[in-house]
Amino acid sequence: MQTDQLIQTIALAAIPVLFAITLHEAAHGYVARHFGDMTAYQAGRISLNPLRHIDPVGTVLLPLLTLWMGGILFGWAKPVPVNFSALRNPKKDMLWVAIAGPASNLVMALGWALLYKLGLLFPENYFADAALGMAKWGININVVLMVLNLLPLPPLDGGRVAISLLPHRQAFQLAKIEPYGMFILIFLAVTPVLSLILSPIIGLVFKLLSLLFGI
């Protein structure tokens, strides 16, 4: 990607990215507090301030590299601290804490899709074009984050969901992968494997949004 294109892309994607990571992480903390764990609340992580959630490598450097190189936008924010043992029913409540993040991305994707649909109703002008470009990035980023985080690989949200749903023995075996999960994910991201896994699911979600909003 050329420099001018990269700058334009960053200008359009910055706000959707900040919303996507901030609300995703805040949702985890809010639901954890609802089920009895005050860790995120006491750490000040149930916040809409993006600065509390930004990870210099995962939120800034890696997304810029993936944008420059092309392919699926990849990155992460600082994970909200959750003490699952403090939940009232740890194994059961873990599911709701984990699913809160991807659910927030789904809601945001729907919101950006609605904004995109509304933008199409107005005559073309500079501001409408910018809003459409931003809404398009909002849809893309939130769909990718939702699908990525639902992979059944600890410490991703999908891994937590799987641990919550599996019988205790299988859940324990899956949980042992967690210390290596991020290394596995990075390896998949720098090879074509992650794209091969995610692309069909992402494409299906895009088709559903297109049918729902007629865009």
Protein backbone atom coordinates (compact mmCIF):
# COMPACT_ATOMS: atom_id res chain seq x y z
CA MET A 1 0.00 0.00 0.00
CA GLN A 2 1.35 3.42 -0.97
CA THR A 3 1.94 6.07 1.70
CA ASP A 4 -0.97 8.34 0.67
CA GLN A 5 -3.34 5.38 0.57
CA LEU A 6 -2.12 4.24 3.99
CA ILE A 7 -2.72 7.70 5.49
CA GLN A 8 -6.22 7.83 4.01
CA THR A 9 -6.96 4.35 5.32
CA ILE A 10 -5.74 5.24 8.82
CA ALA A 11 -7.90 8.39 8.82
CA LEU A 12 -11.00 6.36 7.97
CA ALA A 13 -10.22 3.34 10.15
CA ALA A 14 -8.97 5.05 13.33
CA ILE A 15 -12.35 5.82 14.91
CA PRO A 16 -13.93 2.42 14.08
CA VAL A 17 -10.83 0.64 15.44
CA LEU A 18 -10.89 2.63 18.70
CA PHE A 19 -14.61 1.98 19.17
CA ALA A 20 -14.22 -1.70 18.31
CA ILE A 21 -11.46 -2.42 20.83
CA THR A 22 -12.75 -0.10 23.57
CA LEU A 23 -16.31 -1.40 23.66
CA HIS A 24 -15.13 -5.00 23.22
CA GLU A 25 -12.89 -4.86 26.29
CA ALA A 26 -15.29 -2.74 28.36
CA ALA A 27 -18.04 -5.28 27.64
CA HIS A 28 -15.94 -8.07 29.16
CA GLY A 29 -15.37 -6.02 32.29
CA TYR A 30 -18.99 -4.95 32.62
CA VAL A 31 -20.33 -8.51 32.34
CA ALA A 32 -17.64 -9.81 34.72
CA ARG A 33 -18.75 -7.21 37.28
CA HIS A 34 -22.38 -8.23 36.76
CA PHE A 35 -21.49 -11.82 37.65
CA GLY A 36 -19.47 -10.90 40.73
CA ASP A 37 -15.87 -10.23 39.63
CA MET A 38 -14.81 -6.68 40.47
CA THR A 39 -11.23 -7.01 39.13
CA ALA A 40 -11.71 -4.99 35.94
CA TYR A 41 -13.82 -2.39 37.73
CA GLN A 42 -11.20 -1.86 40.45
CA ALA A 43 -8.48 -1.60 37.78
CA GLY A 44 -10.44 1.13 35.97
CA ARG A 45 -10.86 -1.00 32.85
CA ILE A 46 -14.65 -0.68 32.57
CA SER A 47 -14.10 2.52 30.65
CA LEU A 48 -14.89 4.04 27.27
CA ASN A 49 -11.50 5.76 27.29
CA PRO A 50 -9.56 3.99 24.50
CA LEU A 51 -6.22 4.89 26.10
CA ARG A 52 -6.97 2.40 28.89
CA HIS A 53 -7.25 -0.43 26.37
CA ILE A 54 -4.59 0.33 23.74
CA ASP A 55 -1.65 -2.05 23.45
CA PRO A 56 1.25 -0.38 21.57
CA VAL A 57 2.07 -3.54 19.62
CA GLY A 58 -1.33 -5.22 19.22
CA THR A 59 -3.44 -2.09 18.71
CA VAL A 60 -1.04 0.15 16.78
CA LEU A 61 2.01 -1.55 15.26
CA LEU A 62 0.53 -4.86 14.12
CA PRO A 63 -2.64 -3.40 12.53
CA LEU A 64 -0.51 -0.87 10.65
CA LEU A 65 1.74 -3.65 9.37
CA THR A 66 -1.22 -5.77 8.25
CA LEU A 67 -2.79 -2.76 6.53
CA TRP A 68 0.48 -2.01 4.75
CA MET A 69 1.03 -5.64 3.74
CA GLY A 70 -2.61 -6.30 2.87
CA GLY A 71 -4.76 -9.22 3.98
CA ILE A 72 -6.92 -9.55 7.09
CA LEU A 73 -6.57 -6.73 9.62
CA PHE A 74 -5.06 -8.33 12.72
CA GLY A 75 -4.38 -7.04 16.21
CA TRP A 76 -5.50 -6.95 19.82
CA ALA A 77 -6.03 -4.66 22.79
CA LYS A 78 -4.82 -5.03 26.37
CA PRO A 79 -7.02 -7.81 27.77
CA VAL A 80 -9.38 -6.81 30.56
CA PRO A 81 -8.32 -8.61 33.77
CA VAL A 82 -10.90 -11.17 34.83
CA ASN A 83 -10.63 -13.38 37.90
CA PHE A 84 -12.86 -16.25 36.85
CA SER A 85 -12.71 -17.81 40.30
CA ALA A 86 -14.43 -14.66 41.65
CA LEU A 87 -17.47 -15.23 39.44
CA ARG A 88 -20.50 -16.58 41.26
CA ASN A 89 -20.56 -19.68 39.03
CA PRO A 90 -17.10 -19.66 37.36
CA LYS A 91 -17.55 -22.29 34.65
CA LYS A 92 -21.04 -21.17 33.68
CA ASP A 93 -20.50 -17.41 33.98
CA MET A 94 -17.23 -17.61 32.01
CA LEU A 95 -19.31 -18.12 28.87
CA TRP A 96 -21.19 -14.83 29.29
CA VAL A 97 -18.04 -12.87 30.14
CA ALA A 98 -16.28 -14.28 27.08
CA ILE A 99 -19.15 -13.84 24.63
CA ALA A 100 -19.70 -10.21 25.67
CA GLY A 101 -16.74 -8.99 23.59
CA PRO A 102 -17.72 -10.58 20.26
CA ALA A 103 -21.36 -9.66 20.94
CA SER A 104 -20.35 -6.00 21.25
CA ASN A 105 -18.55 -6.27 17.90
CA LEU A 106 -21.70 -7.73 16.32
CA VAL A 107 -23.80 -4.84 17.64
CA MET A 108 -21.24 -2.33 16.33
CA ALA A 109 -21.13 -4.05 12.93
CA LEU A 110 -24.92 -3.74 12.74
CA GLY A 111 -24.69 -0.07 13.75
CA TRP A 112 -22.06 0.73 11.12
CA ALA A 113 -24.10 -1.18 8.51
CA LEU A 114 -27.13 0.95 9.37
CA LEU A 115 -25.02 4.11 9.05
CA TYR A 116 -23.75 2.88 5.67
CA LYS A 117 -27.32 2.25 4.52
CA LEU A 118 -28.38 5.74 5.64
CA GLY A 119 -25.36 7.27 3.91
CA LEU A 120 -26.46 5.75 0.60
CA LEU A 121 -29.74 7.67 0.82
CA PHE A 122 -28.05 11.09 0.62
CA PRO A 123 -26.54 12.77 -2.46
CA GLU A 124 -22.84 12.16 -2.89
CA ASN A 125 -20.56 14.74 -1.35
CA TYR A 126 -17.24 14.80 0.48
CA PHE A 127 -18.74 14.25 3.93
CA ALA A 128 -21.08 11.48 2.74
CA ASP A 129 -18.17 9.73 1.03
CA ALA A 130 -16.06 9.99 4.20
CA ALA A 131 -18.92 8.66 6.34
CA LEU A 132 -19.46 5.76 3.94
CA GLY A 133 -15.75 4.94 3.99
CA MET A 134 -15.66 5.03 7.78
CA ALA A 135 -18.83 2.93 8.05
CA LYS A 136 -17.35 0.37 5.65
CA TRP A 137 -14.24 0.12 7.83
CA GLY A 138 -16.45 -0.14 10.91
CA ILE A 139 -18.27 -3.11 9.42
CA ASN A 140 -15.05 -4.80 8.30
CA ILE A 141 -13.15 -4.33 11.55
CA ASN A 142 -15.97 -5.48 13.81
CA VAL A 143 -16.80 -8.52 11.71
CA VAL A 144 -13.13 -9.58 11.63
CA LEU A 145 -12.70 -9.04 15.38
CA MET A 146 -15.89 -10.93 16.14
CA VAL A 147 -14.97 -13.95 14.00
CA LEU A 148 -11.32 -13.94 15.10
CA ASN A 149 -12.21 -13.83 18.79
CA LEU A 150 -14.67 -16.70 18.41
CA LEU A 151 -11.91 -19.11 17.37
CA PRO A 152 -11.88 -21.90 20.02
CA LEU A 153 -8.30 -21.16 21.04
CA PRO A 154 -7.52 -19.95 24.57
CA PRO A 155 -7.00 -17.14 25.48
CA LEU A 156 -9.36 -15.93 22.73
CA ASP A 157 -13.01 -15.51 23.71
CA GLY A 158 -13.98 -18.57 21.70
CA GLY A 159 -11.54 -20.62 23.76
CA ARG A 160 -13.20 -19.39 26.96
CA VAL A 161 -16.61 -20.26 25.53
CA ALA A 162 -15.38 -23.75 24.64
CA ILE A 163 -13.93 -24.25 28.14
CA SER A 164 -17.26 -23.19 29.62
CA LEU A 165 -19.26 -25.60 27.46
CA LEU A 166 -16.99 -28.66 27.47
CA PRO A 167 -17.10 -31.31 30.21
CA HIS A 168 -14.59 -30.67 33.00
CA ARG A 169 -11.95 -33.11 31.75
CA GLN A 170 -11.91 -31.81 28.16
CA ALA A 171 -12.16 -28.22 29.39
CA PHE A 172 -9.08 -28.74 31.58
CA GLN A 173 -7.11 -30.15 28.63
CA LEU A 174 -8.07 -27.19 26.41
CA ALA A 175 -7.23 -24.68 29.16
CA LYS A 176 -3.66 -26.01 29.27
CA ILE A 177 -3.12 -24.55 25.78
CA GLU A 178 -3.64 -20.99 27.02
CA PRO A 179 0.03 -20.10 27.77
CA TYR A 180 0.85 -20.94 24.14
CA GLY A 181 -2.35 -19.69 22.52
CA MET A 182 -1.10 -16.25 21.50
CA PHE A 183 2.07 -17.72 19.97
CA ILE A 184 -0.10 -20.16 18.00
CA LEU A 185 -2.31 -17.29 16.84
CA ILE A 186 0.64 -15.13 15.73
CA PHE A 187 2.07 -18.11 13.84
CA LEU A 188 -1.26 -18.62 12.08
CA ALA A 189 -1.46 -14.89 11.30
CA VAL A 190 1.94 -14.73 9.57
CA THR A 191 1.05 -17.73 7.41
CA PRO A 192 -1.93 -18.13 5.04
CA VAL A 193 -3.60 -20.47 7.54
CA LEU A 194 -5.48 -17.84 9.57
CA SER A 195 -6.88 -16.23 6.43
CA LEU A 196 -7.95 -19.63 5.10
CA ILE A 197 -9.80 -20.33 8.35
CA LEU A 198 -11.44 -16.94 8.80
CA SER A 199 -12.22 -15.81 5.25
CA PRO A 200 -15.19 -18.15 4.56
CA ILE A 201 -16.83 -17.27 7.89
CA ILE A 202 -16.18 -13.55 7.44
CA GLY A 203 -17.60 -13.74 3.92
CA LEU A 204 -20.76 -15.42 5.25
CA VAL A 205 -21.27 -12.70 7.87
CA PHE A 206 -20.82 -10.01 5.21
CA LYS A 207 -23.46 -11.71 3.03
CA LEU A 208 -25.89 -11.83 5.95
CA LEU A 209 -25.35 -8.12 6.67
CA SER A 210 -25.79 -7.33 2.98
CA LEU A 211 -29.09 -9.24 2.88
CA LEU A 212 -30.29 -7.68 6.14
CA PHE A 213 -29.57 -4.07 5.16
CA GLY A 214 -29.68 -4.31 1.40
CA ILE A 215 -26.18 -2.90 0.96
